[in-house]
Amino acid sequence: MDRKKLDTRLRPVDVSRYFDEKKLKESDVTVIACNDLVLSNDKIKGHVIQIARNTDYGCELKSCFWLNNVSEETVRLRMEHYLSDIGNLADFLKILIKNIKQVSEKPDICCKYCYSDDVVKNGKRKSGQYWLCRTCGHCFINNGALPKMKYPLETIIKAADEHLHGESMGMISAHHPINSFDIIA
């Protein structure tokens, strides 16, 4: 079936053209979009208003169309197009929500060399999880140590503080036993 293409676009208009903004702020409306339905020759063919609000069961979207001097076929095509867009939006939202859940479950790790968060697990060695930075290519363990250092910064600061307060190196190393997780850089 050959369908006639509707050569139209939406042009945003100020919400105050249709609504009292003071009353709108008092309402439970979350988002409102008002548009003119414009033909390619800039002639207004109609108006579209979409209102979204939060509800106990999710988000509710209402759309109102006012079309000027159009045939029943044009209305049918416009509604099919609109339903297709809403279906695409629903599919997109499913993917978006899935991606948000994956990102929120991703560990909060960033590369200690370039500080990029584009890192992936790269095996376990000496009881520690190794990470590979996809940005700079460095492998590292998230042990709090600075790049190219074996010990976490906290351990170095404590040892330096004890040394400045007169502790011997032997006593400092006895206070801070080295475990395999600390020595991996």
Protein backbone atom coordinates (compact mmCIF):
# COMPACT_ATOMS: atom_id res chain seq x y z
CA MET A 1 0.00 0.00 0.00
CA ASP A 2 1.48 3.33 -1.07
CA ARG A 3 1.20 5.84 1.75
CA LYS A 4 1.17 9.57 1.26
CA LYS A 5 4.02 11.25 3.12
CA LEU A 6 3.00 14.02 5.48
CA ASP A 7 5.51 16.83 4.99
CA THR A 8 5.09 18.42 8.40
CA ARG A 9 7.23 19.35 11.37
CA LEU A 10 6.62 20.47 14.92
CA ARG A 11 7.48 24.03 15.91
CA PRO A 12 7.63 24.69 19.68
CA VAL A 13 5.43 27.46 21.05
CA ASP A 14 5.28 29.12 24.46
CA VAL A 15 3.17 27.21 26.98
CA SER A 16 1.48 30.45 28.07
CA ARG A 17 -0.23 30.54 24.68
CA TYR A 18 -2.55 27.75 25.86
CA PHE A 19 -2.24 27.64 29.66
CA ASP A 20 -2.24 29.96 32.67
CA GLU A 21 1.32 29.46 33.92
CA LYS A 22 0.37 30.29 37.52
CA LYS A 23 -2.24 27.51 37.59
CA LEU A 24 0.12 25.19 35.75
CA LYS A 25 2.76 25.55 38.49
CA GLU A 26 0.14 24.59 41.09
CA SER A 27 -0.87 21.45 39.15
CA ASP A 28 0.78 18.02 39.23
CA VAL A 29 2.03 18.34 35.64
CA THR A 30 5.69 17.33 35.33
CA VAL A 31 6.39 18.34 31.73
CA ILE A 32 4.31 20.07 29.07
CA ALA A 33 5.19 20.62 25.42
CA CYS A 34 3.16 22.80 23.05
CA ASN A 35 3.84 22.75 19.32
CA ASP A 36 2.36 23.98 16.08
CA LEU A 37 2.08 21.39 13.32
CA VAL A 38 3.67 23.24 10.39
CA LEU A 39 3.75 22.37 6.70
CA SER A 40 6.89 22.82 4.59
CA ASN A 41 5.53 26.20 3.37
CA ASP A 42 5.30 27.41 7.04
CA LYS A 43 1.50 27.22 7.02
CA ILE A 44 0.12 26.01 10.36
CA LYS A 45 -1.83 22.79 9.87
CA GLY A 46 -2.67 22.17 13.50
CA HIS A 47 -1.51 22.10 17.10
CA VAL A 48 -0.10 19.39 19.36
CA ILE A 49 0.04 19.52 23.17
CA GLN A 50 1.69 16.78 25.21
CA ILE A 51 1.40 16.64 28.98
CA ALA A 52 3.36 14.28 31.23
CA ARG A 53 2.83 13.80 34.94
CA ASN A 54 4.05 11.38 37.56
CA THR A 55 1.52 8.96 38.99
CA ASP A 56 1.57 6.20 41.59
CA TYR A 57 1.94 3.63 38.80
CA GLY A 58 4.54 5.42 36.66
CA CYS A 59 4.44 8.28 34.20
CA GLU A 60 1.30 9.27 32.35
CA LEU A 61 1.51 10.92 28.92
CA LYS A 62 -1.47 12.63 27.31
CA SER A 63 -1.41 14.06 23.81
CA CYS A 64 -3.98 16.35 22.21
CA PHE A 65 -4.09 17.13 18.49
CA TRP A 66 -6.00 19.89 16.73
CA LEU A 67 -5.77 19.55 12.96
CA ASN A 68 -7.11 22.16 10.51
CA ASN A 69 -8.98 21.13 7.34
CA VAL A 70 -7.59 17.64 6.98
CA SER A 71 -9.05 14.51 5.55
CA GLU A 72 -9.81 11.39 7.52
CA GLU A 73 -6.89 9.68 5.73
CA THR A 74 -4.48 12.39 6.91
CA VAL A 75 -5.71 12.00 10.48
CA ARG A 76 -5.26 8.23 10.25
CA LEU A 77 -1.71 8.62 8.89
CA ARG A 78 -0.86 11.16 11.59
CA MET A 79 -2.17 8.82 14.32
CA GLU A 80 -0.25 5.84 12.88
CA HIS A 81 2.90 7.96 12.85
CA TYR A 82 2.28 9.09 16.43
CA LEU A 83 1.65 5.54 17.66
CA SER A 84 4.83 4.41 15.92
CA ASP A 85 6.77 7.20 17.67
CA ILE A 86 5.32 6.25 21.06
CA GLY A 87 6.21 2.59 20.42
CA ASN A 88 9.77 3.60 19.51
CA LEU A 89 9.95 5.74 22.65
CA ALA A 90 8.79 2.82 24.79
CA ASP A 91 11.47 0.56 23.24
CA PHE A 92 14.11 3.26 23.75
CA LEU A 93 13.11 3.74 27.39
CA LYS A 94 13.46 -0.01 28.05
CA ILE A 95 17.01 0.06 26.65
CA LEU A 96 17.82 3.27 28.55
CA ILE A 97 16.60 1.85 31.87
CA LYS A 98 18.58 -1.36 31.28
CA ASN A 99 21.74 0.69 30.58
CA ILE A 100 21.21 2.83 33.67
CA LYS A 101 20.88 -0.30 35.80
CA GLN A 102 24.09 -1.73 34.31
CA VAL A 103 25.98 1.51 34.93
CA SER A 104 24.72 1.75 38.50
CA GLU A 105 25.90 -1.82 39.14
CA LYS A 106 29.33 -1.08 37.62
CA PRO A 107 32.02 -0.62 40.28
CA ASP A 108 33.15 2.94 40.84
CA ILE A 109 36.68 2.41 39.50
CA CYS A 110 38.74 4.82 37.46
CA CYS A 111 42.18 4.47 35.94
CA LYS A 112 44.96 5.62 38.26
CA TYR A 113 46.99 6.77 35.24
CA CYS A 114 44.53 8.80 33.14
CA TYR A 115 41.49 8.87 35.49
CA SER A 116 39.17 7.48 32.80
CA ASP A 117 36.21 5.40 33.99
CA ASP A 118 36.30 3.24 30.85
CA VAL A 119 37.85 0.25 32.64
CA VAL A 120 37.17 -3.49 32.49
CA LYS A 121 38.18 -6.42 34.65
CA ASN A 122 41.43 -8.02 33.52
CA GLY A 123 41.87 -11.08 35.72
CA LYS A 124 42.96 -11.62 39.30
CA ARG A 125 46.57 -11.78 40.39
CA LYS A 126 48.00 -12.17 43.89
CA SER A 127 44.54 -11.97 45.48
CA GLY A 128 43.63 -8.70 43.78
CA GLN A 129 41.36 -7.72 40.90
CA TYR A 130 43.29 -6.30 37.96
CA TRP A 131 41.68 -3.67 35.74
CA LEU A 132 42.47 -2.66 32.16
CA CYS A 133 41.94 0.94 31.08
CA ARG A 134 40.53 1.04 27.57
CA THR A 135 41.60 4.67 27.20
CA CYS A 136 45.33 4.50 27.98
CA GLY A 137 45.93 0.72 27.98
CA HIS A 138 47.44 0.51 31.48
CA CYS A 139 46.66 -2.39 33.80
CA PHE A 140 46.31 -1.66 37.49
CA ILE A 141 44.83 -2.83 40.76
CA ASN A 142 42.55 -0.52 42.67
CA ASN A 143 44.48 -0.59 45.94
CA GLY A 144 44.71 3.13 46.63
CA ALA A 145 48.35 3.32 45.51
CA LEU A 146 49.56 6.01 43.18
CA PRO A 147 50.74 4.95 39.71
CA LYS A 148 54.02 3.01 39.76
CA MET A 149 53.93 2.75 43.57
CA LYS A 150 53.58 -0.52 45.46
CA TYR A 151 51.82 0.70 48.59
CA PRO A 152 48.61 2.61 49.15
CA LEU A 153 49.04 6.29 49.89
CA GLU A 154 47.65 5.87 53.43
CA THR A 155 50.34 3.29 54.28
CA ILE A 156 53.11 5.57 52.98
CA ILE A 157 51.77 8.55 54.94
CA LYS A 158 51.51 6.52 58.18
CA ALA A 159 55.04 5.13 57.73
CA ALA A 160 56.50 8.57 56.98
CA ASP A 161 54.71 10.06 60.00
CA GLU A 162 56.04 7.31 62.31
CA HIS A 163 59.57 7.78 60.91
CA LEU A 164 59.40 11.54 61.54
CA HIS A 165 58.34 10.81 65.12
CA GLY A 166 61.47 8.74 65.73
CA GLU A 167 60.37 5.16 64.95
CA SER A 168 62.98 2.89 63.40
CA MET A 169 62.36 1.32 59.98
CA GLY A 170 62.22 -2.13 61.61
CA MET A 171 59.51 -1.01 64.02
CA ILE A 172 57.55 0.69 61.22
CA SER A 173 57.60 -2.45 59.06
CA ALA A 174 56.49 -4.50 62.08
CA HIS A 175 53.51 -2.17 62.56
CA HIS A 176 52.55 -2.36 58.88
CA PRO A 177 52.83 -5.97 57.72
CA ILE A 178 52.88 -6.25 53.98
CA ASN A 179 50.16 -8.36 52.46
CA SER A 180 49.93 -9.39 48.85
CA PHE A 181 47.16 -6.87 48.14
CA ASP A 182 49.33 -3.92 49.25
CA ILE A 183 52.35 -4.70 47.09
CA ILE A 184 50.57 -4.92 43.75
CA ALA A 185 50.71 -1.68 41.79
